């Protein structure tokens, strides 16, 4: 089971329905939506269902989505987590999104540096993959800085072994 993680500026906790409004705004922001694989616009009902699917997937051992909460503002500024968790082959895919007001300030790096070792231990992972839009240079640089290696440049698939 996942326990909350606190860092100096943010907290990571399991996503919940109280995050619908924040996640709705983030996922529908054009700067975010141009790089993700969700059909937009998403209604609040769509986001509520997405969160419910993540909660159900967590209890089935297939997904873990965490809200990234700003400690001072006490609101969700993004989310991150794993999907397609496959414990048989010890791998999963990493996904993340952050409100544009918080880009370029190290929040996602802070979140992932704290989170990845925990998830590797919890799910006994040997490999984490991440697929990002190759035009999203900030995310590509983030993954590179975290030790991920590019394995497919056309679709920008990255991996990291543990």
Protein backbone atom coordinates (compact mmCIF):
# COMPACT_ATOMS: atom_id res chain seq x y z
CA UNK A 1 0.00 0.00 0.00
CA UNK A 2 1.13 3.51 -0.75
CA UNK A 3 1.78 6.01 2.01
CA UNK A 4 1.79 9.77 1.46
CA UNK A 5 5.16 11.28 0.50
CA UNK A 6 6.12 14.75 1.67
CA UNK A 7 8.90 16.86 0.17
CA UNK A 8 9.80 20.44 1.06
CA UNK A 9 7.34 21.97 -1.43
CA UNK A 10 4.87 19.24 -2.35
CA UNK A 11 3.02 16.18 -1.10
CA UNK A 12 2.14 13.09 -3.09
CA UNK A 13 -1.00 11.20 -2.14
CA UNK A 14 -3.41 8.86 -3.86
CA UNK A 15 -5.74 10.71 -6.23
CA UNK A 16 -9.29 11.13 -4.96
CA UNK A 17 -12.58 12.61 -6.07
CA UNK A 18 -11.73 15.85 -4.27
CA UNK A 19 -9.17 16.39 -7.07
CA UNK A 20 -11.77 16.54 -9.86
CA UNK A 21 -11.81 20.34 -10.17
CA UNK A 22 -8.02 20.74 -10.19
CA UNK A 23 -7.39 17.82 -12.54
CA UNK A 24 -10.20 18.99 -14.84
CA UNK A 25 -8.53 22.40 -15.20
CA UNK A 26 -5.07 20.89 -15.75
CA UNK A 27 -6.09 18.28 -18.33
CA UNK A 28 -8.17 20.80 -20.30
CA UNK A 29 -5.46 23.44 -20.36
CA UNK A 30 -4.37 23.70 -24.04
CA UNK A 31 -0.69 23.76 -23.05
CA UNK A 32 -1.14 20.42 -21.28
CA UNK A 33 -3.67 18.77 -23.58
CA UNK A 34 -1.52 19.19 -26.68
CA UNK A 35 0.96 16.72 -25.15
CA UNK A 36 -1.37 14.16 -23.57
CA UNK A 37 -3.42 11.33 -25.02
CA UNK A 38 -6.80 12.26 -23.56
CA UNK A 39 -9.57 13.40 -25.85
CA UNK A 40 -10.35 17.00 -24.96
CA UNK A 41 -12.32 18.77 -23.86
CA UNK A 42 -12.99 16.58 -20.85
CA UNK A 43 -16.10 17.26 -18.80
CA UNK A 44 -15.99 17.13 -15.00
CA UNK A 45 -17.92 13.85 -15.29
CA UNK A 46 -15.19 12.49 -17.58
CA UNK A 47 -12.51 13.46 -15.07
CA UNK A 48 -14.51 12.00 -12.19
CA UNK A 49 -14.75 8.71 -14.12
CA UNK A 50 -11.04 8.84 -14.94
CA UNK A 51 -10.27 9.23 -11.24
CA UNK A 52 -12.68 6.42 -10.36
CA UNK A 53 -10.96 4.17 -12.92
CA UNK A 54 -7.60 5.07 -11.36
CA UNK A 55 -8.90 4.27 -7.87
CA UNK A 56 -10.30 0.92 -9.05
CA UNK A 57 -7.10 0.18 -10.98
CA UNK A 58 -5.06 0.87 -7.87
CA UNK A 59 -6.94 -1.78 -5.90
CA UNK A 60 -6.48 -4.19 -8.81
CA UNK A 61 -2.73 -3.52 -8.86
CA UNK A 62 -2.76 -2.07 -12.39
CA UNK A 63 -2.54 1.70 -11.82
CA UNK A 64 -1.39 4.20 -9.25
CA UNK A 65 -2.15 7.88 -9.80
CA UNK A 66 -1.06 10.42 -7.24
CA UNK A 67 -2.09 14.01 -6.77
CA UNK A 68 0.82 16.42 -6.53
CA UNK A 69 -0.31 18.88 -3.88
CA UNK A 70 1.43 22.21 -3.30
CA UNK A 71 2.14 22.41 0.42
CA UNK A 72 1.64 26.17 0.75
CA UNK A 73 -1.35 26.51 -1.57
CA UNK A 74 -2.88 23.23 -0.35
CA UNK A 75 -4.20 22.36 -3.81
CA UNK A 76 -3.43 19.78 -6.46
CA UNK A 77 -1.10 21.20 -9.11
CA UNK A 78 -0.64 18.00 -11.09
CA UNK A 79 -0.60 14.24 -11.00
CA UNK A 80 1.84 11.44 -11.66
CA UNK A 81 1.94 7.70 -11.38
CA UNK A 82 2.19 4.37 -13.09
CA UNK A 83 -0.11 2.57 -15.47
CA UNK A 84 0.05 -0.78 -17.26
CA UNK A 85 1.73 -2.17 -14.15
CA UNK A 86 2.83 -5.71 -14.99
CA UNK A 87 4.28 -7.44 -11.96
CA UNK A 88 4.94 -10.63 -13.96
CA UNK A 89 7.61 -8.87 -16.01
CA UNK A 90 8.35 -6.20 -13.38
CA UNK A 91 7.59 -3.17 -15.54
CA UNK A 92 5.18 -0.25 -15.80
CA UNK A 93 4.65 3.01 -17.66
CA UNK A 94 5.13 6.41 -16.03
CA UNK A 95 2.70 9.24 -16.67
CA UNK A 96 2.64 12.81 -15.38
CA UNK A 97 1.07 16.21 -15.92
CA UNK A 98 1.52 19.55 -14.20
CA UNK A 99 -0.36 22.85 -14.30
CA UNK A 100 1.57 25.27 -16.56
CA UNK A 101 1.91 27.87 -13.78
CA UNK A 102 4.30 25.43 -12.11
CA UNK A 103 6.39 24.46 -15.17
CA UNK A 104 10.11 25.12 -15.13
CA UNK A 105 10.33 25.31 -11.34
CA UNK A 106 11.43 21.76 -10.56
CA UNK A 107 8.13 20.54 -9.10
CA UNK A 108 7.81 17.46 -11.33
CA UNK A 109 11.44 16.51 -10.79
CA UNK A 110 10.92 16.87 -7.04
CA UNK A 111 7.85 14.63 -7.28
CA UNK A 112 9.46 11.93 -9.41
CA UNK A 113 12.74 11.84 -7.49
CA UNK A 114 10.74 11.14 -4.33
CA UNK A 115 8.23 8.82 -5.97
CA UNK A 116 10.10 6.51 -8.32
CA UNK A 117 12.19 4.70 -5.66
CA UNK A 118 9.03 4.10 -3.61
CA UNK A 119 7.15 2.67 -6.59
CA UNK A 120 10.09 0.49 -7.62
CA UNK A 121 10.08 -0.99 -4.12
CA UNK A 122 6.29 -1.35 -3.79
CA UNK A 123 5.76 -2.98 -7.19
CA UNK A 124 9.18 -4.71 -7.39
CA UNK A 125 9.85 -3.04 -10.73
CA UNK A 126 12.92 -3.60 -12.85
CA UNK A 127 11.94 -1.28 -15.70
CA UNK A 128 9.82 1.84 -16.01
CA UNK A 129 8.86 3.14 -19.44
CA UNK A 130 7.60 6.59 -20.32
CA UNK A 131 6.09 7.72 -23.61
CA UNK A 132 6.08 11.45 -24.22
CA UNK A 133 5.40 13.62 -27.23
CA UNK A 134 8.80 14.30 -28.79
CA UNK A 135 7.87 18.01 -29.07
CA UNK A 136 7.62 18.15 -25.27
CA UNK A 137 11.27 19.00 -24.72
CA UNK A 138 10.84 19.78 -21.02
CA UNK A 139 9.47 16.28 -20.32
CA UNK A 140 12.18 14.68 -22.48
CA UNK A 141 14.85 16.62 -20.57
CA UNK A 142 13.23 15.66 -17.26
CA UNK A 143 13.31 11.96 -18.13
CA UNK A 144 16.89 12.21 -19.34
CA UNK A 145 17.88 13.92 -16.09
CA UNK A 146 16.23 11.14 -14.10
CA UNK A 147 18.34 8.50 -15.86
CA UNK A 148 15.84 7.37 -18.48
CA UNK A 149 17.22 6.50 -21.91
CA UNK A 150 15.51 7.15 -25.22
CA UNK A 151 14.80 3.87 -27.03
CA UNK A 152 12.51 5.06 -29.80
CA UNK A 153 12.84 8.62 -31.04
CA UNK A 154 9.84 8.65 -33.41
CA UNK A 155 7.28 8.19 -30.63
CA UNK A 156 9.71 9.27 -27.89
CA UNK A 157 9.64 6.13 -25.73
CA UNK A 158 12.02 6.18 -22.78
CA UNK A 159 13.03 3.53 -20.25
CA UNK A 160 14.95 3.21 -17.01
CA UNK A 161 16.23 -0.03 -15.43
CA UNK A 162 16.44 -0.49 -11.67
